[in-house]
């Protein structure tokens, strides 16, 4: 019971730290915002007063976390840094999270779990944090806290990719209708961005911004596909680029891609439906069947205990 409580406590603390690390990115500099507020009020104040008026998290915690991340990056291989940068891009750059802040978050969660466990072992009677058993527990939970941010990023990537897969058939239908109506491909992507508010629409909006800033359309589409990490989207982008290079009708290519996406979506739904009986087996075997056996055999066991045979057996 005590170990279960500790596990729940550590998971809750790790989740809270992760939520703090994944805070919303501020579009404006908070220092400049507060300076403008003081200027509008006409109050004579110093830079020290403005700094002290900021929340404690903005003044102390986040700068320290960012600095720890920069120190950790010095001892991190370049390949690992590139891998986490790719994961953050595939996750949609949640909350404006940077690689330095992410590394600081991992270190902070791991060290925080280790410190809390160490204090608990010191306070517990008859427990020593330096015993072999407790050192093993301390190491295990520290590594778990160190990898919690990775698990959350992987979960975010998976949910984002599933959302993109679900939205692609409808988005391709709208692209096809717009192109057949005479709009260009960029204008059709703009219509998709305006129509929906999902991950695919946001990706289209970012690609359009890159095209407006001078990037070639095929390069912007390839970068968008790499940020998605979805196989179906890779094939869609490859077909668009090929049709543009060969001069094939864009509307025809989009129609074929839309039909293909709908077929794949139906196949995925059928595959998930076939997995349902296997997933239902464990809760049925562990929860439903024991309850049914207790309801059916409970009265019989009570009658048996009250009988003469029950006096012999029990």
Protein backbone atom coordinates (compact mmCIF):
# COMPACT_ATOMS: atom_id res chain seq x y z
CA UNK A 1 0.00 0.00 0.00
CA UNK A 2 2.81 2.37 0.93
CA UNK A 3 4.78 1.55 -2.23
CA UNK A 4 1.66 2.17 -4.35
CA UNK A 5 1.16 5.53 -2.68
CA UNK A 6 4.79 6.43 -3.40
CA UNK A 7 4.39 5.46 -7.06
CA UNK A 8 1.29 7.64 -7.41
CA UNK A 9 3.04 10.51 -5.63
CA UNK A 10 6.10 10.37 -7.88
CA UNK A 11 4.04 10.11 -11.05
CA UNK A 12 1.95 13.09 -9.97
CA UNK A 13 5.03 15.17 -9.18
CA UNK A 14 6.64 14.23 -12.50
CA UNK A 15 3.48 15.13 -14.38
CA UNK A 16 3.28 18.49 -12.61
CA UNK A 17 6.88 19.28 -13.51
CA UNK A 18 6.26 18.31 -17.11
CA UNK A 19 3.21 20.57 -17.27
CA UNK A 20 5.33 23.41 -15.91
CA UNK A 21 7.97 22.76 -18.56
CA UNK A 22 5.37 22.63 -21.33
CA UNK A 23 3.96 26.04 -20.47
CA UNK A 24 2.52 28.26 -23.16
CA UNK A 25 5.12 30.20 -25.09
CA UNK A 26 4.71 33.94 -24.85
CA UNK A 27 4.64 35.69 -28.19
CA UNK A 28 5.83 39.01 -26.70
CA UNK A 29 8.73 39.69 -24.41
CA UNK A 30 7.24 39.89 -20.87
CA UNK A 31 9.82 42.49 -19.87
CA UNK A 32 8.87 44.78 -22.76
CA UNK A 33 5.17 44.26 -22.02
CA UNK A 34 5.56 45.31 -18.40
CA UNK A 35 7.76 48.24 -19.39
CA UNK A 36 5.01 49.43 -21.75
CA UNK A 37 2.41 49.03 -18.98
CA UNK A 38 4.45 51.17 -16.59
CA UNK A 39 5.00 53.75 -19.34
CA UNK A 40 1.24 53.98 -20.00
CA UNK A 41 0.55 54.49 -16.31
CA UNK A 42 3.13 57.26 -16.15
CA UNK A 43 4.73 55.78 -13.06
CA UNK A 44 8.38 56.51 -12.39
CA UNK A 45 10.02 53.20 -11.63
CA UNK A 46 13.37 51.46 -12.01
CA UNK A 47 14.35 48.37 -13.95
CA UNK A 48 14.74 46.49 -10.67
CA UNK A 49 11.12 47.20 -9.73
CA UNK A 50 9.94 46.02 -13.13
CA UNK A 51 11.93 42.80 -12.80
CA UNK A 52 10.59 42.15 -9.30
CA UNK A 53 7.02 42.67 -10.53
CA UNK A 54 7.28 39.59 -12.72
CA UNK A 55 6.10 36.20 -11.39
CA UNK A 56 8.62 34.04 -9.57
CA UNK A 57 8.44 31.35 -12.26
CA UNK A 58 9.40 33.82 -15.01
CA UNK A 59 12.14 35.45 -12.94
CA UNK A 60 13.83 32.39 -11.44
CA UNK A 61 12.54 28.96 -12.41
CA UNK A 62 12.41 29.18 -16.20
CA UNK A 63 15.75 31.01 -16.64
CA UNK A 64 17.42 28.43 -14.38
CA UNK A 65 15.81 25.58 -16.35
CA UNK A 66 16.92 27.11 -19.63
CA UNK A 67 20.46 27.54 -18.30
CA UNK A 68 20.57 23.92 -17.10
CA UNK A 69 19.45 22.83 -20.54
CA UNK A 70 22.24 24.81 -22.19
CA UNK A 71 24.80 23.20 -19.86
CA UNK A 72 23.38 19.74 -20.59
CA UNK A 73 23.63 20.36 -24.33
CA UNK A 74 27.39 20.80 -24.02
CA UNK A 75 27.71 17.15 -22.96
CA UNK A 76 25.06 15.84 -25.34
CA UNK A 77 26.02 14.28 -28.69
CA UNK A 78 24.94 16.22 -31.75
CA UNK A 79 22.98 13.24 -33.06
CA UNK A 80 20.89 13.13 -29.88
CA UNK A 81 20.26 16.86 -30.14
CA UNK A 82 19.09 16.54 -33.74
CA UNK A 83 16.88 13.59 -32.82
CA UNK A 84 15.08 15.51 -30.09
CA UNK A 85 14.72 18.54 -32.36
CA UNK A 86 13.05 16.30 -34.97
CA UNK A 87 10.75 14.83 -32.33
CA UNK A 88 9.71 18.28 -31.17
CA UNK A 89 8.93 19.26 -34.76
CA UNK A 90 6.90 16.08 -35.29
CA UNK A 91 5.04 16.81 -32.06
CA UNK A 92 4.05 20.21 -33.43
CA UNK A 93 6.49 22.11 -31.20
CA UNK A 94 4.11 21.88 -28.20
CA UNK A 95 3.93 25.03 -26.08
CA UNK A 96 6.90 26.50 -27.92
CA UNK A 97 9.21 23.96 -26.27
CA UNK A 98 12.88 24.31 -27.20
CA UNK A 99 15.55 21.57 -27.06
CA UNK A 100 17.38 23.33 -24.22
CA UNK A 101 14.21 23.59 -22.15
CA UNK A 102 13.38 19.96 -22.92
CA UNK A 103 16.76 18.72 -21.68
CA UNK A 104 16.42 20.87 -18.58
CA UNK A 105 12.96 19.41 -18.03
CA UNK A 106 14.28 15.85 -18.21
CA UNK A 107 17.08 16.61 -15.78
CA UNK A 108 14.74 18.48 -13.43
CA UNK A 109 12.20 15.66 -13.29
CA UNK A 110 14.87 13.01 -12.71
CA UNK A 111 16.71 15.00 -10.03
CA UNK A 112 13.43 16.02 -8.38
CA UNK A 113 12.27 12.41 -8.08
CA UNK A 114 15.67 11.40 -6.68
CA UNK A 115 15.62 14.16 -4.04
CA UNK A 116 12.06 13.34 -2.94
CA UNK A 117 12.87 9.64 -2.64
CA UNK A 118 16.05 10.39 -0.71
CA UNK A 119 14.11 12.55 1.78
CA UNK A 120 11.43 9.88 2.20
CA UNK A 121 14.03 7.19 2.89
CA UNK A 122 15.73 9.46 5.44
CA UNK A 123 12.44 10.20 7.21
CA UNK A 124 11.17 6.60 7.19
CA UNK A 125 12.04 4.68 10.38
CA UNK A 126 14.39 1.79 9.83
CA UNK A 127 15.15 2.83 6.25
CA UNK A 128 18.50 3.92 4.91
CA UNK A 129 18.81 5.58 1.49
CA UNK A 130 22.24 3.97 1.10
CA UNK A 131 21.05 0.38 1.38
CA UNK A 132 21.30 -1.76 -1.74
CA UNK A 133 17.53 -2.17 -2.08
CA UNK A 134 16.75 1.52 -1.64
CA UNK A 135 19.55 2.54 -3.98
CA UNK A 136 18.02 0.29 -6.63
CA UNK A 137 14.59 1.86 -6.07
CA UNK A 138 16.12 5.34 -6.16
CA UNK A 139 17.92 4.61 -9.44
CA UNK A 140 14.86 3.07 -11.05
CA UNK A 141 12.51 5.95 -10.24
CA UNK A 142 15.16 8.52 -11.22
CA UNK A 143 15.51 6.93 -14.65
CA UNK A 144 11.73 6.78 -14.92
CA UNK A 145 11.48 10.50 -14.14
CA UNK A 146 14.23 11.19 -16.66
CA UNK A 147 12.26 9.46 -19.44
CA UNK A 148 8.78 10.80 -18.58
CA UNK A 149 9.15 13.81 -20.93
CA UNK A 150 10.17 11.46 -23.74
CA UNK A 151 7.04 9.39 -23.16
CA UNK A 152 4.85 12.48 -23.28
CA UNK A 153 6.50 13.70 -26.49
CA UNK A 154 6.02 10.28 -28.11
CA UNK A 155 2.37 10.30 -27.05
CA UNK A 156 1.96 13.78 -28.51
CA UNK A 157 3.51 12.65 -31.82
CA UNK A 158 1.20 9.66 -32.01
CA UNK A 159 -1.95 11.69 -31.29
CA UNK A 160 -0.92 14.36 -33.81
CA UNK A 161 -0.31 11.79 -36.53
CA UNK A 162 -3.66 10.14 -35.86
CA UNK A 163 -5.39 13.51 -36.09
CA UNK A 164 -3.68 14.21 -39.42
CA UNK A 165 -4.68 10.81 -40.80
CA UNK A 166 -8.32 11.37 -39.85
CA UNK A 167 -8.41 14.85 -41.37
CA UNK A 168 -6.66 14.03 -44.64
CA UNK A 169 -9.60 12.55 -46.65
CA UNK A 170 -11.89 15.52 -45.96
CA UNK A 171 -9.07 17.99 -46.59
CA UNK A 172 -8.25 16.33 -49.91
CA UNK A 173 -11.92 16.50 -50.93
CA UNK A 174 -11.93 20.23 -50.26
CA UNK A 175 -8.64 20.64 -52.15
CA UNK A 176 -10.11 18.75 -55.11
CA UNK A 177 -13.28 20.86 -55.18
CA UNK A 178 -11.29 24.09 -54.98
CA UNK A 179 -8.86 23.08 -57.72
CA UNK A 180 -11.67 21.88 -60.00
CA UNK A 181 -13.42 25.21 -59.40
CA UNK A 182 -10.41 27.03 -60.82
CA UNK A 183 -8.34 27.94 -57.77
CA UNK A 184 -4.62 27.35 -57.62
CA UNK A 185 -3.12 24.80 -55.27
CA UNK A 186 -1.88 27.49 -52.86
CA UNK A 187 -5.31 29.12 -52.75
CA UNK A 188 -6.90 25.70 -52.17
CA UNK A 189 -4.53 25.10 -49.22
CA UNK A 190 -5.57 28.49 -47.87
CA UNK A 191 -9.22 27.41 -48.00
CA UNK A 192 -8.38 24.27 -46.01
CA UNK A 193 -6.60 26.39 -43.43
CA UNK A 194 -9.60 28.70 -43.11
CA UNK A 195 -12.14 25.85 -43.01
CA UNK A 196 -10.71 23.76 -40.16
CA UNK A 197 -8.76 24.27 -36.97
CA UNK A 198 -6.70 21.11 -36.63
CA UNK A 199 -3.10 19.99 -36.99
CA UNK A 200 -3.36 19.54 -40.76
CA UNK A 201 -4.76 23.05 -41.24
CA UNK A 202 -1.98 24.48 -39.06
CA UNK A 203 0.61 22.62 -41.13
CA UNK A 204 -0.90 24.00 -44.34
CA UNK A 205 -0.79 27.51 -42.87
CA UNK A 206 2.88 27.19 -41.97
CA UNK A 207 3.73 25.86 -45.44
CA UNK A 208 1.90 28.79 -47.03
CA UNK A 209 3.84 31.25 -44.89
CA UNK A 210 7.10 29.63 -45.99
CA UNK A 211 6.04 29.88 -49.64
CA UNK A 212 5.17 33.55 -49.19
CA UNK A 213 8.61 34.15 -47.68
CA UNK A 214 10.27 32.81 -50.83
CA UNK A 215 10.67 29.07 -50.31
CA UNK A 216 9.87 26.88 -53.31
CA UNK A 217 6.54 25.07 -53.09
CA UNK A 218 8.06 21.60 -53.42
CA UNK A 219 10.56 22.33 -50.66
CA UNK A 220 7.86 23.71 -48.38
CA UNK A 221 5.71 20.64 -49.02
CA UNK A 222 8.62 18.28 -48.34
CA UNK A 223 9.44 20.07 -45.09
CA UNK A 224 5.78 19.89 -44.09
CA UNK A 225 5.77 16.17 -44.83
CA UNK A 226 8.90 15.64 -42.74
CA UNK A 227 7.34 17.51 -39.83
CA UNK A 228 4.29 15.25 -40.01
CA UNK A 229 6.03 11.88 -40.16
CA UNK A 230 2.89 10.30 -41.65
CA UNK A 231 3.34 7.74 -44.44
CA UNK A 232 0.09 8.68 -46.18
CA UNK A 233 1.09 12.33 -46.18
CA UNK A 234 4.49 11.46 -47.68
CA UNK A 235 2.79 9.75 -50.61
CA UNK A 236 0.38 12.68 -51.04
CA UNK A 237 3.22 15.23 -51.18
CA UNK A 238 5.21 13.04 -53.57
CA UNK A 239 2.21 12.81 -55.90
CA UNK A 240 1.68 16.59 -55.82
CA UNK A 241 5.33 17.30 -56.58
CA UNK A 242 5.39 14.73 -59.37
CA UNK A 243 2.22 16.10 -60.96
CA UNK A 244 3.65 19.61 -60.84
CA UNK A 245 6.91 18.46 -62.45
CA UNK A 246 5.28 16.38 -65.19
CA UNK A 247 2.38 18.71 -65.91
CA UNK A 248 -0.32 16.20 -64.94
CA UNK A 249 -3.77 17.52 -64.04
CA UNK A 250 -3.70 18.52 -60.37
CA UNK A 251 -7.42 17.89 -59.93
CA UNK A 252 -7.11 14.32 -61.21
CA UNK A 253 -4.19 13.59 -58.90
CA UNK A 254 -6.08 15.02 -55.93
CA UNK A 255 -9.16 12.95 -56.77
CA UNK A 256 -7.10 9.76 -56.88
CA UNK A 257 -5.34 10.64 -53.63
CA UNK A 258 -8.66 11.42 -51.92
CA UNK A 259 -10.14 8.06 -52.89
CA UNK A 260 -6.99 6.28 -51.76
CA UNK A 261 -7.04 8.05 -48.39
CA UNK A 262 -10.66 7.05 -47.80
CA UNK A 263 -9.87 3.43 -48.56
CA UNK A 264 -6.94 3.49 -46.14
CA UNK A 265 -9.07 5.12 -43.45
CA UNK A 266 -11.69 2.41 -43.82
CA UNK A 267 -9.00 -0.27 -43.65
CA UNK A 268 -7.59 1.26 -40.45
CA UNK A 269 -11.07 1.30 -38.92
CA UNK A 270 -11.57 -2.37 -39.81
CA UNK A 271 -8.17 -3.25 -38.34
CA UNK A 272 -9.02 -1.47 -35.08
CA UNK A 273 -12.38 -3.27 -34.96
CA UNK A 274 -10.61 -6.62 -35.28
CA UNK A 275 -8.33 -5.73 -32.36
CA UNK A 276 -11.29 -4.98 -30.10
CA UNK A 277 -11.97 -8.60 -28.97
CA UNK A 278 -8.35 -9.05 -27.93
CA UNK A 279 -8.37 -5.77 -25.99
CA UNK A 280 -11.63 -6.73 -24.28
CA UNK A 281 -10.22 -10.08 -23.14
CA UNK A 282 -8.10 -8.70 -20.27
CA UNK A 283 -10.77 -6.58 -18.52
CA UNK A 284 -13.29 -9.39 -18.97
CA UNK A 285 -10.94 -12.00 -17.50
CA UNK A 286 -9.79 -9.82 -14.61
CA UNK A 287 -12.97 -7.89 -13.73
CA UNK A 288 -16.16 -9.25 -15.29
CA UNK A 289 -15.66 -13.02 -15.04
CA UNK A 290 -14.65 -13.03 -11.32
CA UNK A 291 -17.71 -10.94 -10.51
CA UNK A 292 -20.00 -13.30 -12.40
CA UNK A 293 -18.47 -16.33 -10.66
CA UNK A 294 -18.93 -14.64 -7.26
CA UNK A 295 -22.59 -13.89 -7.97
CA UNK A 296 -23.35 -17.37 -9.30
CA UNK A 297 -21.31 -19.50 -6.90
CA UNK A 298 -21.57 -17.29 -3.79
CA UNK A 299 -24.99 -18.58 -2.61
CA UNK A 300 -23.96 -22.18 -3.34
CA UNK A 301 -20.80 -21.80 -1.23
CA UNK A 302 -22.84 -20.34 1.66
CA UNK A 303 -25.30 -23.25 1.54
CA UNK A 304 -22.41 -25.69 1.45
CA UNK A 305 -20.79 -24.09 4.50
CA UNK A 306 -24.07 -24.38 6.47
CA UNK A 307 -24.57 -28.04 5.58
CA UNK A 308 -23.07 -31.07 7.29
CA UNK A 309 -20.51 -31.38 4.53
CA UNK A 310 -19.49 -27.82 5.17
CA UNK A 311 -18.62 -28.69 8.79
CA UNK A 312 -16.26 -31.39 7.52
CA UNK A 313 -14.67 -29.28 4.80
CA UNK A 314 -14.50 -25.93 6.62
